Amino acid sequence: MLDAILSPLPVETTQGPNPLSPNVPGSDEASPVVGPTRAIEALVSLLKRSNPRCPPEVKANVCTLLSQLGRKGGRTTRERETEVEKLKITAKDTLVKCSQGDDLFGKAAKKVLEVWESA
């Protein structure tokens, strides 16, 4: 799972319309739109954005996934530890900002950071 989230996405998914990017008035629809290049970037973008179509439960589920991927595991190789560290570096700033809220999502973000601190 960690490999899938940190690996580069196929070229087909990084070009074309990006559902995570807002439509900019006056922009040329023929111009290429570059989306996230890795799944972790798409997940972090989802956490950052304030979108009424994305309920807090979905963001809390993303937090649960990040928590599980970043927690201390049994037998991990040095390479795997490096990958987990990349995950944490990519998501930590966003999680810190999101953890300020007292709603379900804010509490979930706070929990991720607590789990990562104990790892």
PDB file of N, CA and C in Angstrom:
ATOM      1  N   MET A   1       0.827  -1.183   0.000  1.00  0.00           N
ATOM      2  CA  MET A   1       0.000   0.000   0.000  1.00  0.00           C
ATOM      3  C   MET A   1       0.874   1.251   0.000  1.00  0.00           C
ATOM      4  N   LEU A   2       1.910   1.239   0.822  1.00  0.00           N
ATOM      5  CA  LEU A   2       2.804   2.392   0.899  1.00  0.00           C
ATOM      6  C   LEU A   2       3.455   2.659  -0.449  1.00  0.00           C
ATOM      7  N   ASP A   3       3.864   1.593  -1.130  1.00  0.00           N
ATOM      8  CA  ASP A   3       4.470   1.763  -2.453  1.00  0.00           C
ATOM      9  C   ASP A   3       3.500   2.411  -3.426  1.00  0.00           C
ATOM     10  N   ALA A   4       2.250   1.989  -3.392  1.00  0.00           N
ATOM     11  CA  ALA A   4       1.250   2.532  -4.315  1.00  0.00           C
ATOM     12  C   ALA A   4       1.009   4.019  -4.056  1.00  0.00           C
ATOM     13  N   ILE A   5       1.040   4.434  -2.818  1.00  0.00           N
ATOM     14  CA  ILE A   5       0.775   5.829  -2.485  1.00  0.00           C
ATOM     15  C   ILE A   5       1.950   6.739  -2.821  1.00  0.00           C
ATOM     16  N   LEU A   6       3.160   6.217  -2.697  1.00  0.00           N
ATOM     17  CA  LEU A   6       4.344   7.047  -2.922  1.00  0.00           C
ATOM     18  C   LEU A   6       4.898   6.960  -4.343  1.00  0.00           C
ATOM     19  N   SER A   7       4.506   5.950  -5.088  1.00  0.00           N
ATOM     20  CA  SER A   7       5.011   5.780  -6.453  1.00  0.00           C
ATOM     21  C   SER A   7       4.381   6.805  -7.387  1.00  0.00           C
ATOM     22  N   PRO A   8       5.110   7.171  -8.441  1.00  0.00           N
ATOM     23  CA  PRO A   8       4.534   8.095  -9.427  1.00  0.00           C
ATOM     24  C   PRO A   8       3.301   7.489 -10.080  1.00  0.00           C
ATOM     25  N   LEU A   9       2.300   8.325 -10.319  1.00  0.00           N
ATOM     26  CA  LEU A   9       1.091   7.880 -11.000  1.00  0.00           C
ATOM     27  C   LEU A   9       1.377   7.713 -12.485  1.00  0.00           C
ATOM     28  N   PRO A  10       0.583   6.888 -13.173  1.00  0.00           N
ATOM     29  CA  PRO A  10       0.747   6.772 -14.636  1.00  0.00           C
ATOM     30  C   PRO A  10       0.515   8.121 -15.303  1.00  0.00           C
ATOM     31  N   VAL A  11       1.136   8.344 -16.425  1.00  0.00           N
ATOM     32  CA  VAL A  11       1.048   9.619 -17.143  1.00  0.00           C
ATOM     33  C   VAL A  11      -0.397   9.972 -17.456  1.00  0.00           C
ATOM     34  N   GLU A  12      -1.225   8.976 -17.761  1.00  0.00           N
ATOM     35  CA  GLU A  12      -2.616   9.245 -18.110  1.00  0.00           C
ATOM     36  C   GLU A  12      -3.367   9.943 -16.979  1.00  0.00           C
ATOM     37  N   THR A  13      -3.011   9.684 -15.753  1.00  0.00           N
ATOM     38  CA  THR A  13      -3.731  10.273 -14.627  1.00  0.00           C
ATOM     39  C   THR A  13      -3.202  11.639 -14.232  1.00  0.00           C
ATOM     40  N   THR A  14      -2.034  12.010 -14.701  1.00  0.00           N
ATOM     41  CA  THR A  14      -1.467  13.302 -14.317  1.00  0.00           C
ATOM     42  C   THR A  14      -1.705  14.380 -15.358  1.00  0.00           C
ATOM     43  N   GLN A  15      -2.323  14.024 -16.484  1.00  0.00           N
ATOM     44  CA  GLN A  15      -2.627  15.007 -17.513  1.00  0.00           C
ATOM     45  C   GLN A  15      -4.124  15.040 -17.746  1.00  0.00           C
ATOM     46  N   GLY A  16      -4.609  16.121 -18.258  1.00  0.00           N
ATOM     47  CA  GLY A  16      -6.033  16.235 -18.519  1.00  0.00           C
ATOM     48  C   GLY A  16      -6.745  16.915 -17.375  1.00  0.00           C
ATOM     49  N   PRO A  17      -8.073  16.858 -17.383  1.00  0.00           N
ATOM     50  CA  PRO A  17      -8.839  17.538 -16.335  1.00  0.00           C
ATOM     51  C   PRO A  17      -8.498  16.994 -14.958  1.00  0.00           C
ATOM     52  N   ASN A  18      -8.315  17.892 -14.033  1.00  0.00           N
ATOM     53  CA  ASN A  18      -7.974  17.507 -12.661  1.00  0.00           C
ATOM     54  C   ASN A  18      -9.154  17.838 -11.761  1.00  0.00           C
ATOM     55  N   PRO A  19      -9.852  16.811 -11.244  1.00  0.00           N
ATOM     56  CA  PRO A  19     -11.011  17.097 -10.401  1.00  0.00           C
ATOM     57  C   PRO A  19     -10.647  17.754  -9.077  1.00  0.00           C
ATOM     58  N   LEU A  20      -9.371  17.737  -8.705  1.00  0.00           N
ATOM     59  CA  LEU A  20      -8.953  18.350  -7.456  1.00  0.00           C
ATOM     60  C   LEU A  20      -8.627  19.829  -7.614  1.00  0.00           C
ATOM     61  N   SER A  21      -8.515  20.294  -8.851  1.00  0.00           N
ATOM     62  CA  SER A  21      -8.185  21.697  -9.094  1.00  0.00           C
ATOM     63  C   SER A  21      -9.449  22.464  -9.462  1.00  0.00           C
ATOM     64  N   PRO A  22      -9.586  23.658  -8.912  1.00  0.00           N
ATOM     65  CA  PRO A  22     -10.756  24.459  -9.265  1.00  0.00           C
ATOM     66  C   PRO A  22     -10.652  24.966 -10.693  1.00  0.00           C
ATOM     67  N   ASN A  23     -11.787  25.165 -11.332  1.00  0.00           N
ATOM     68  CA  ASN A  23     -11.784  25.756 -12.666  1.00  0.00           C
ATOM     69  C   ASN A  23     -11.475  27.232 -12.533  1.00  0.00           C
ATOM     70  N   VAL A  24     -10.523  27.686 -13.303  1.00  0.00           N
ATOM     71  CA  VAL A  24     -10.139  29.089 -13.273  1.00  0.00           C
ATOM     72  C   VAL A  24     -10.826  29.792 -14.431  1.00  0.00           C
ATOM     73  N   PRO A  25     -11.661  30.805 -14.127  1.00  0.00           N
ATOM     74  CA  PRO A  25     -12.335  31.530 -15.208  1.00  0.00           C
ATOM     75  C   PRO A  25     -11.313  32.106 -16.189  1.00  0.00           C
ATOM     76  N   GLY A  26     -11.637  31.964 -17.467  1.00  0.00           N
ATOM     77  CA  GLY A  26     -10.762  32.514 -18.486  1.00  0.00           C
ATOM     78  C   GLY A  26      -9.610  31.606 -18.851  1.00  0.00           C
ATOM     79  N   SER A  27      -9.504  30.438 -18.220  1.00  0.00           N
ATOM     80  CA  SER A  27      -8.399  29.538 -18.572  1.00  0.00           C
ATOM     81  C   SER A  27      -8.778  28.767 -19.825  1.00  0.00           C
ATOM     82  N   ASP A  28      -7.793  28.408 -20.567  1.00  0.00           N
ATOM     83  CA  ASP A  28      -7.984  27.681 -21.807  1.00  0.00           C
ATOM     84  C   ASP A  28      -8.117  26.200 -21.495  1.00  0.00           C
ATOM     85  N   GLU A  29      -9.277  25.616 -21.850  1.00  0.00           N
ATOM     86  CA  GLU A  29      -9.486  24.205 -21.549  1.00  0.00           C
ATOM     87  C   GLU A  29      -8.565  23.305 -22.352  1.00  0.00           C
ATOM     88  N   ALA A  30      -8.018  23.808 -23.443  1.00  0.00           N
ATOM     89  CA  ALA A  30      -7.100  23.010 -24.254  1.00  0.00           C
ATOM     90  C   ALA A  30      -5.709  22.962 -23.645  1.00  0.00           C
ATOM     91  N   SER A  31      -5.420  23.872 -22.732  1.00  0.00           N
ATOM     92  CA  SER A  31      -4.097  23.870 -22.133  1.00  0.00           C
ATOM     93  C   SER A  31      -3.982  22.689 -21.172  1.00  0.00           C
ATOM     94  N   PRO A  32      -2.826  22.073 -21.142  1.00  0.00           N
ATOM     95  CA  PRO A  32      -2.671  20.902 -20.275  1.00  0.00           C
ATOM     96  C   PRO A  32      -2.745  21.285 -18.802  1.00  0.00           C
ATOM     97  N   VAL A  33      -3.462  20.488 -18.042  1.00  0.00           N
ATOM     98  CA  VAL A  33      -3.566  20.681 -16.606  1.00  0.00           C
ATOM     99  C   VAL A  33      -2.812  19.539 -15.958  1.00  0.00           C
ATOM    100  N   VAL A  34      -1.860  19.871 -15.150  1.00  0.00           N
ATOM    101  CA  VAL A  34      -1.069  18.840 -14.498  1.00  0.00           C
ATOM    102  C   VAL A  34      -1.605  18.646 -13.094  1.00  0.00           C
ATOM    103  N   GLY A  35      -1.991  17.433 -12.798  1.00  0.00           N
ATOM    104  CA  GLY A  35      -2.516  17.103 -11.483  1.00  0.00           C
ATOM    105  C   GLY A  35      -1.418  16.551 -10.599  1.00  0.00           C
ATOM    106  N   PRO A  36      -1.807  15.939  -9.510  1.00  0.00           N
ATOM    107  CA  PRO A  36      -0.826  15.337  -8.610  1.00  0.00           C
ATOM    108  C   PRO A  36      -0.029  14.251  -9.343  1.00  0.00           C
ATOM    109  N   THR A  37       1.218  14.138  -9.003  1.00  0.00           N
ATOM    110  CA  THR A  37       2.047  13.121  -9.660  1.00  0.00           C
ATOM    111  C   THR A  37       2.136  11.840  -8.843  1.00  0.00           C
ATOM    112  N   ARG A  38       1.699  11.896  -7.581  1.00  0.00           N
ATOM    113  CA  ARG A  38       1.669  10.708  -6.727  1.00  0.00           C
ATOM    114  C   ARG A  38       0.347  10.709  -5.963  1.00  0.00           C
ATOM    115  N   ALA A  39      -0.100   9.534  -5.575  1.00  0.00           N
ATOM    116  CA  ALA A  39      -1.368   9.428  -4.843  1.00  0.00           C
ATOM    117  C   ALA A  39      -1.311  10.198  -3.519  1.00  0.00           C
ATOM    118  N   ILE A  40      -0.161  10.224  -2.859  1.00  0.00           N
ATOM    119  CA  ILE A  40      -0.053  10.947  -1.593  1.00  0.00           C
ATOM    120  C   ILE A  40      -0.338  12.427  -1.799  1.00  0.00           C
ATOM    121  N   GLU A  41       0.073  12.968  -2.935  1.00  0.00           N
ATOM    122  CA  GLU A  41      -0.189  14.374  -3.227  1.00  0.00           C
ATOM    123  C   GLU A  41      -1.688  14.619  -3.396  1.00  0.00           C
ATOM    124  N   ALA A  42      -2.392  13.673  -4.020  1.00  0.00           N
ATOM    125  CA  ALA A  42      -3.842  13.799  -4.178  1.00  0.00           C
ATOM    126  C   ALA A  42      -4.536  13.723  -2.815  1.00  0.00           C
ATOM    127  N   LEU A  43      -4.067  12.830  -1.943  1.00  0.00           N
ATOM    128  CA  LEU A  43      -4.655  12.699  -0.610  1.00  0.00           C
ATOM    129  C   LEU A  43      -4.423  13.953   0.226  1.00  0.00           C
ATOM    130  N   VAL A  44      -3.226  14.494   0.165  1.00  0.00           N
ATOM    131  CA  VAL A  44      -2.920  15.715   0.918  1.00  0.00           C
ATOM    132  C   VAL A  44      -3.738  16.883   0.362  1.00  0.00           C
ATOM    133  N   SER A  45      -3.903  16.939  -0.943  1.00  0.00           N
ATOM    134  CA  SER A  45      -4.714  17.988  -1.556  1.00  0.00           C
ATOM    135  C   SER A  45      -6.159  17.887  -1.074  1.00  0.00           C
ATOM    136  N   LEU A  46      -6.670  16.678  -0.968  1.00  0.00           N
ATOM    137  CA  LEU A  46      -8.023  16.471  -0.463  1.00  0.00           C
ATOM    138  C   LEU A  46      -8.147  16.980   0.971  1.00  0.00           C
ATOM    139  N   LEU A  47      -7.126  16.748   1.788  1.00  0.00           N
ATOM    140  CA  LEU A  47      -7.159  17.216   3.177  1.00  0.00           C
ATOM    141  C   LEU A  47      -7.107  18.740   3.262  1.00  0.00           C
ATOM    142  N   LYS A  48      -6.357  19.371   2.374  1.00  0.00           N
ATOM    143  CA  LYS A  48      -6.173  20.828   2.399  1.00  0.00           C
ATOM    144  C   LYS A  48      -7.427  21.585   1.975  1.00  0.00           C
ATOM    145  N   ARG A  49      -8.120  21.049   0.999  1.00  0.00           N
ATOM    146  CA  ARG A  49      -9.220  21.793   0.375  1.00  0.00           C
ATOM    147  C   ARG A  49     -10.470  21.801   1.223  1.00  0.00           C
ATOM    148  N   SER A  50     -11.142  22.925   1.191  1.00  0.00           N
ATOM    149  CA  SER A  50     -12.441  23.053   1.835  1.00  0.00           C
ATOM    150  C   SER A  50     -13.482  22.854   0.741  1.00  0.00           C
ATOM    151  N   ASN A  51     -14.047  21.671   0.689  1.00  0.00           N
ATOM    152  CA  ASN A  51     -14.985  21.329  -0.369  1.00  0.00           C
ATOM    153  C   ASN A  51     -16.235  20.721   0.263  1.00  0.00           C
ATOM    154  N   PRO A  52     -17.385  21.354   0.091  1.00  0.00           N
ATOM    155  CA  PRO A  52     -18.608  20.817   0.695  1.00  0.00           C
ATOM    156  C   PRO A  52     -18.996  19.449   0.153  1.00  0.00           C
ATOM    157  N   ARG A  53     -18.483  19.086  -1.020  1.00  0.00           N
ATOM    158  CA  ARG A  53     -18.782  17.759  -1.578  1.00  0.00           C
ATOM    159  C   ARG A  53     -17.950  16.665  -0.925  1.00  0.00           C
ATOM    160  N   CYS A  54     -16.985  17.040  -0.131  1.00  0.00           N
ATOM    161  CA  CYS A  54     -16.127  16.066   0.546  1.00  0.00           C
ATOM    162  C   CYS A  54     -16.429  16.108   2.044  1.00  0.00           C
ATOM    163  N   PRO A  55     -17.212  15.162   2.536  1.00  0.00           N
ATOM    164  CA  PRO A  55     -17.587  15.194   3.948  1.00  0.00           C
ATOM    165  C   PRO A  55     -16.389  14.960   4.864  1.00  0.00           C
ATOM    166  N   PRO A  56     -16.462  15.448   6.097  1.00  0.00           N
ATOM    167  CA  PRO A  56     -15.353  15.268   7.040  1.00  0.00           C
ATOM    168  C   PRO A  56     -15.025  13.794   7.293  1.00  0.00           C
ATOM    169  N   GLU A  57     -16.006  12.924   7.123  1.00  0.00           N
ATOM    170  CA  GLU A  57     -15.764  11.494   7.322  1.00  0.00           C
ATOM    171  C   GLU A  57     -14.760  10.944   6.313  1.00  0.00           C
ATOM    172  N   VAL A  58     -14.806  11.459   5.083  1.00  0.00           N
ATOM    173  CA  VAL A  58     -13.852  11.022   4.056  1.00  0.00           C
ATOM    174  C   VAL A  58     -12.446  11.467   4.445  1.00  0.00           C
ATOM    175  N   LYS A  59     -12.327  12.711   4.895  1.00  0.00           N
ATOM    176  CA  LYS A  59     -11.022  13.218   5.320  1.00  0.00           C
ATOM    177  C   LYS A  59     -10.522  12.461   6.549  1.00  0.00           C
ATOM    178  N   ALA A  60     -11.430  12.101   7.443  1.00  0.00           N
ATOM    179  CA  ALA A  60     -11.042  11.308   8.618  1.00  0.00           C
ATOM    180  C   ALA A  60     -10.550   9.926   8.187  1.00  0.00           C
ATOM    181  N   ASN A  61     -11.168   9.357   7.157  1.00  0.00           N
ATOM    182  CA  ASN A  61     -10.712   8.061   6.643  1.00  0.00           C
ATOM    183  C   ASN A  61      -9.319   8.163   6.027  1.00  0.00           C
ATOM    184  N   VAL A  62      -9.051   9.256   5.342  1.00  0.00           N
ATOM    185  CA  VAL A  62      -7.702   9.473   4.797  1.00  0.00           C
ATOM    186  C   VAL A  62      -6.701   9.554   5.951  1.00  0.00           C
ATOM    187  N   CYS A  63      -7.086  10.228   7.020  1.00  0.00           N
ATOM    188  CA  CYS A  63      -6.223  10.322   8.199  1.00  0.00           C
ATOM    189  C   CYS A  63      -5.953   8.936   8.788  1.00  0.00           C
ATOM    190  N   THR A  64      -6.979   8.106   8.853  1.00  0.00           N
ATOM    191  CA  THR A  64      -6.807   6.745   9.371  1.00  0.00           C
ATOM    192  C   THR A  64      -5.823   5.968   8.511  1.00  0.00           C
ATOM    193  N   LEU A  65      -5.934   6.108   7.202  1.00  0.00           N
ATOM    194  CA  LEU A  65      -5.002   5.442   6.290  1.00  0.00           C
ATOM    195  C   LEU A  65      -3.573   5.924   6.533  1.00  0.00           C
ATOM    196  N   LEU A  66      -3.388   7.238   6.620  1.00  0.00           N
ATOM    197  CA  LEU A  66      -2.053   7.793   6.852  1.00  0.00           C
ATOM    198  C   LEU A  66      -1.493   7.329   8.200  1.00  0.00           C
ATOM    199  N   SER A  67      -2.355   7.249   9.181  1.00  0.00           N
ATOM    200  CA  SER A  67      -1.937   6.788  10.505  1.00  0.00           C
ATOM    201  C   SER A  67      -1.416   5.359  10.444  1.00  0.00           C
ATOM    202  N   GLN A  68      -2.148   4.510   9.753  1.00  0.00           N
ATOM    203  CA  GLN A  68      -1.752   3.109   9.640  1.00  0.00           C
ATOM    204  C   GLN A  68      -0.451   2.950   8.865  1.00  0.00           C
ATOM    205  N   LEU A  69      -0.303   3.719   7.808  1.00  0.00           N
ATOM    206  CA  LEU A  69       0.909   3.619   6.994  1.00  0.00           C
ATOM    207  C   LEU A  69       2.140   4.156   7.720  1.00  0.00           C
ATOM    208  N   GLY A  70       1.945   5.140   8.585  1.00  0.00           N
ATOM    209  CA  GLY A  70       3.076   5.773   9.256  1.00  0.00           C
ATOM    210  C   GLY A  70       3.395   5.229  10.627  1.00  0.00           C
ATOM    211  N   ARG A  71       2.591   4.290  11.103  1.00  0.00           N
ATOM    212  CA  ARG A  71       2.838   3.777  12.462  1.00  0.00           C
ATOM    213  C   ARG A  71       4.021   2.830  12.477  1.00  0.00           C
ATOM    214  N   LYS A  72       4.518   2.633  13.663  1.00  0.00           N
ATOM    215  CA  LYS A  72       5.666   1.763  13.835  1.00  0.00           C
ATOM    216  C   LYS A  72       5.232   0.323  13.599  1.00  0.00           C
ATOM    217  N   GLY A  73       5.910  -0.348  12.716  1.00  0.00           N
ATOM    218  CA  GLY A  73       5.570  -1.729  12.391  1.00  0.00           C
ATOM    219  C   GLY A  73       6.545  -2.701  13.026  1.00  0.00           C
ATOM    220  N   GLY A  74       6.293  -3.954  12.794  1.00  0.00           N
ATOM    221  CA  GLY A  74       7.151  -4.994  13.345  1.00  0.00           C
ATOM    222  C   GLY A  74       8.527  -5.002  12.689  1.00  0.00           C
ATOM    223  N   ARG A  75       8.641  -5.761  11.635  1.00  0.00           N
ATOM    224  CA  ARG A  75       9.927  -5.868  10.946  1.00  0.00           C
ATOM    225  C   ARG A  75       9.937  -4.941   9.739  1.00  0.00           C
ATOM    226  N   THR A  76      10.635  -3.846   9.863  1.00  0.00           N
ATOM    227  CA  THR A  76      10.740  -2.926   8.735  1.00  0.00           C
ATOM    228  C   THR A  76      12.192  -2.802   8.314  1.00  0.00           C
ATOM    229  N   THR A  77      12.386  -2.734   7.036  1.00  0.00           N
ATOM    230  CA  THR A  77      13.734  -2.565   6.506  1.00  0.00           C
ATOM    231  C   THR A  77      14.089  -1.086   6.501  1.00  0.00           C
ATOM    232  N   ARG A  78      15.333  -0.809   6.332  1.00  0.00           N
ATOM    233  CA  ARG A  78      15.776   0.582   6.260  1.00  0.00           C
ATOM    234  C   ARG A  78      15.116   1.293   5.084  1.00  0.00           C
ATOM    235  N   GLU A  79      14.957   0.592   3.961  1.00  0.00           N
ATOM    236  CA  GLU A  79      14.306   1.180   2.795  1.00  0.00           C
ATOM    237  C   GLU A  79      12.852   1.543   3.116  1.00  0.00           C
ATOM    238  N   ARG A  80      12.162   0.661   3.820  1.00  0.00           N
ATOM    239  CA  ARG A  80      10.767   0.917   4.185  1.00  0.00           C
ATOM    240  C   ARG A  80      10.680   2.097   5.147  1.00  0.00           C
ATOM    241  N   GLU A  81      11.615   2.195   6.071  1.00  0.00           N
ATOM    242  CA  GLU A  81      11.635   3.328   7.000  1.00  0.00           C
ATOM    243  C   GLU A  81      11.814   4.640   6.241  1.00  0.00           C
ATOM    244  N   THR A  82      12.623   4.609   5.196  1.00  0.00           N
ATOM    245  CA  THR A  82      12.825   5.793   4.363  1.00  0.00           C
ATOM    246  C   THR A  82      11.526   6.181   3.661  1.00  0.00           C
ATOM    247  N   GLU A  83      10.798   5.195   3.168  1.00  0.00           N
ATOM    248  CA  GLU A  83       9.530   5.456   2.493  1.00  0.00           C
ATOM    249  C   GLU A  83       8.496   6.037   3.470  1.00  0.00           C
ATOM    250  N   VAL A  84       8.440   5.492   4.667  1.00  0.00           N
ATOM    251  CA  VAL A  84       7.515   6.005   5.686  1.00  0.00           C
ATOM    252  C   VAL A  84       7.876   7.453   6.025  1.00  0.00           C
ATOM    253  N   GLU A  85       9.152   7.742   6.098  1.00  0.00           N
ATOM    254  CA  GLU A  85       9.589   9.111   6.391  1.00  0.00           C
ATOM    255  C   GLU A  85       9.171  10.064   5.276  1.00  0.00           C
ATOM    256  N   LYS A  86       9.237   9.620   4.018  1.00  0.00           N
ATOM    257  CA  LYS A  86       8.782  10.443   2.884  1.00  0.00           C
ATOM    258  C   LYS A  86       7.295  10.751   3.023  1.00  0.00           C
ATOM    259  N   LEU A  87       6.533   9.743   3.418  1.00  0.00           N
ATOM    260  CA  LEU A  87       5.099   9.928   3.627  1.00  0.00           C
ATOM    261  C   LEU A  87       4.851  10.987   4.687  1.00  0.00           C
ATOM    262  N   LYS A  88       5.552  10.885   5.788  1.00  0.00           N
ATOM    263  CA  LYS A  88       5.368  11.828   6.894  1.00  0.00           C
ATOM    264  C   LYS A  88       5.759  13.244   6.493  1.00  0.00           C
ATOM    265  N   ILE A  89       6.863  13.374   5.788  1.00  0.00           N
ATOM    266  CA  ILE A  89       7.325  14.693   5.357  1.00  0.00           C
ATOM    267  C   ILE A  89       6.296  15.343   4.434  1.00  0.00           C
ATOM    268  N   THR A  90       5.713  14.546   3.544  1.00  0.00           N
ATOM    269  CA  THR A  90       4.755  15.077   2.585  1.00  0.00           C
ATOM    270  C   THR A  90       3.467  15.550   3.249  1.00  0.00           C
ATOM    271  N   ALA A  91       3.005  14.840   4.270  1.00  0.00           N
ATOM    272  CA  ALA A  91       1.690  15.121   4.849  1.00  0.00           C
ATOM    273  C   ALA A  91       1.713  15.907   6.154  1.00  0.00           C
ATOM    274  N   LYS A  92       2.842  15.987   6.832  1.00  0.00           N
ATOM    275  CA  LYS A  92       2.857  16.522   8.191  1.00  0.00           C
ATOM    276  C   LYS A  92       2.365  17.969   8.297  1.00  0.00           C
ATOM    277  N   ASP A  93       2.848  18.867   7.472  1.00  0.00           N
ATOM    278  CA  ASP A  93       2.439  20.282   7.570  1.00  0.00           C
ATOM    279  C   ASP A  93       0.922  20.434   7.434  1.00  0.00           C
ATOM    280  N   THR A  94       0.352  19.720   6.496  1.00  0.00           N
ATOM    281  CA  THR A  94      -1.097  19.783   6.295  1.00  0.00           C
ATOM    282  C   THR A  94      -1.826  19.224   7.507  1.00  0.00           C
ATOM    283  N   LEU A  95      -1.337  18.108   8.043  1.00  0.00           N
ATOM    284  CA  LEU A  95      -1.987  17.507   9.211  1.00  0.00           C
ATOM    285  C   LEU A  95      -1.912  18.430  10.424  1.00  0.00           C
ATOM    286  N   VAL A  96      -0.796  19.121  10.591  1.00  0.00           N
ATOM    287  CA  VAL A  96      -0.659  20.048  11.721  1.00  0.00           C
ATOM    288  C   VAL A  96      -1.702  21.153  11.606  1.00  0.00           C
ATOM    289  N   LYS A  97      -1.865  21.718  10.421  1.00  0.00           N
ATOM    290  CA  LYS A  97      -2.856  22.779  10.216  1.00  0.00           C
ATOM    291  C   LYS A  97      -4.273  22.253  10.442  1.00  0.00           C
ATOM    292  N   CYS A  98      -4.534  21.057   9.950  1.00  0.00           N
ATOM    293  CA  CYS A  98      -5.882  20.491  10.056  1.00  0.00           C
ATOM    294  C   CYS A  98      -6.215  20.050  11.477  1.00  0.00           C
ATOM    295  N   SER A  99      -5.213  19.757  12.272  1.00  0.00           N
ATOM    296  CA  SER A  99      -5.450  19.253  13.628  1.00  0.00           C
ATOM    297  C   SER A  99      -5.936  20.350  14.586  1.00  0.00           C
ATOM    298  N   GLN A 100      -6.006  21.586  14.122  1.00  0.00           N
ATOM    299  CA  GLN A 100      -6.451  22.684  14.969  1.00  0.00           C
ATOM    300  C   GLN A 100      -7.962  22.654  15.205  1.00  0.00           C
ATOM    301  N   GLY A 101      -8.697  21.968  14.343  1.00  0.00           N
ATOM    302  CA  GLY A 101     -10.146  21.925  14.476  1.00  0.00           C
ATOM    303  C   GLY A 101     -10.602  20.923  15.522  1.00  0.00           C
ATOM    304  N   ASP A 102     -11.808  21.144  16.032  1.00  0.00           N
ATOM    305  CA  ASP A 102     -12.382  20.242  17.026  1.00  0.00           C
ATOM    306  C   ASP A 102     -13.421  19.298  16.432  1.00  0.00           C
ATOM    307  N   ASP A 103     -13.576  19.338  15.114  1.00  0.00           N
ATOM    308  CA  ASP A 103     -14.533  18.451  14.478  1.00  0.00           C
ATOM    309  C   ASP A 103     -13.920  17.066  14.274  1.00  0.00           C
ATOM    310  N   LEU A 104     -14.665  16.172  13.657  1.00  0.00           N
ATOM    311  CA  LEU A 104     -14.208  14.803  13.426  1.00  0.00           C
ATOM    312  C   LEU A 104     -12.881  14.776  12.671  1.00  0.00           C
ATOM    313  N   PHE A 105     -12.781  15.590  11.641  1.00  0.00           N
ATOM    314  CA  PHE A 105     -11.564  15.647  10.832  1.00  0.00           C
ATOM    315  C   PHE A 105     -10.379  16.179  11.630  1.00  0.00           C
ATOM    316  N   GLY A 106     -10.579  17.231  12.386  1.00  0.00           N
ATOM    317  CA  GLY A 106      -9.500  17.796  13.200  1.00  0.00           C
ATOM    318  C   GLY A 106      -8.982  16.800  14.220  1.00  0.00           C
ATOM    319  N   LYS A 107      -9.892  16.069  14.849  1.00  0.00           N
ATOM    320  CA  LYS A 107      -9.498  15.051  15.825  1.00  0.00           C
ATOM    321  C   LYS A 107      -8.748  13.907  15.150  1.00  0.00           C
ATOM    322  N   ALA A 108      -9.174  13.538  13.949  1.00  0.00           N
ATOM    323  CA  ALA A 108      -8.498  12.457  13.217  1.00  0.00           C
ATOM    324  C   ALA A 108      -7.080  12.886  12.825  1.00  0.00           C
ATOM    325  N   ALA A 109      -6.922  14.131  12.388  1.00  0.00           N
ATOM    326  CA  ALA A 109      -5.592  14.640  12.026  1.00  0.00           C
ATOM    327  C   ALA A 109      -4.678  14.659  13.252  1.00  0.00           C
ATOM    328  N   LYS A 110      -5.236  15.071  14.388  1.00  0.00           N
ATOM    329  CA  LYS A 110      -4.482  15.100  15.641  1.00  0.00           C
ATOM    330  C   LYS A 110      -4.025  13.690  16.024  1.00  0.00           C
ATOM    331  N   LYS A 111      -4.893  12.716  15.817  1.00  0.00           N
ATOM    332  CA  LYS A 111      -4.583  11.323  16.146  1.00  0.00           C
ATOM    333  C   LYS A 111      -3.444  10.796  15.275  1.00  0.00           C
ATOM    334  N   VAL A 112      -3.431  11.170  14.004  1.00  0.00           N
ATOM    335  CA  VAL A 112      -2.341  10.750  13.110  1.00  0.00           C
ATOM    336  C   VAL A 112      -1.010  11.245  13.652  1.00  0.00           C
ATOM    337  N   LEU A 113      -0.973  12.503  14.009  1.00  0.00           N
ATOM    338  CA  LEU A 113       0.271  13.082  14.513  1.00  0.00           C
ATOM    339  C   LEU A 113       0.714  12.396  15.818  1.00  0.00           C
ATOM    340  N   GLU A 114      -0.240  12.047  16.680  1.00  0.00           N
ATOM    341  CA  GLU A 114       0.096  11.338  17.922  1.00  0.00           C
ATOM    342  C   GLU A 114       0.675   9.958  17.622  1.00  0.00           C
ATOM    343  N   VAL A 115       0.050   9.250  16.685  1.00  0.00           N
ATOM    344  CA  VAL A 115       0.554   7.917  16.324  1.00  0.00           C
ATOM    345  C   VAL A 115       1.947   8.022  15.727  1.00  0.00           C
ATOM    346  N   TRP A 116       2.144   9.017  14.868  1.00  0.00           N
ATOM    347  CA  TRP A 116       3.455   9.186  14.243  1.00  0.00           C
ATOM    348  C   TRP A 116       4.513   9.558  15.267  1.00  0.00           C
ATOM    349  N   GLU A 117       4.145  10.348  16.268  1.00  0.00           N
ATOM    350  CA  GLU A 117       5.111  10.735  17.305  1.00  0.00           C
ATOM    351  C   GLU A 117       5.560   9.525  18.112  1.00  0.00           C
ATOM    352  N   SER A 118       4.654   8.573  18.330  1.00  0.00           N
ATOM    353  CA  SER A 118       4.996   7.400  19.133  1.00  0.00           C
ATOM    354  C   SER A 118       5.745   6.354  18.328  1.00  0.00           C
ATOM    355  N   ALA A 119       5.791   6.538  17.009  1.00  0.00           N
ATOM    356  CA  ALA A 119       6.476   5.552  16.146  1.00  0.00           C
ATOM    357  C   ALA A 119       7.962   5.766  16.140  1.00  0.00           C
TER     358      ALA A 119
END
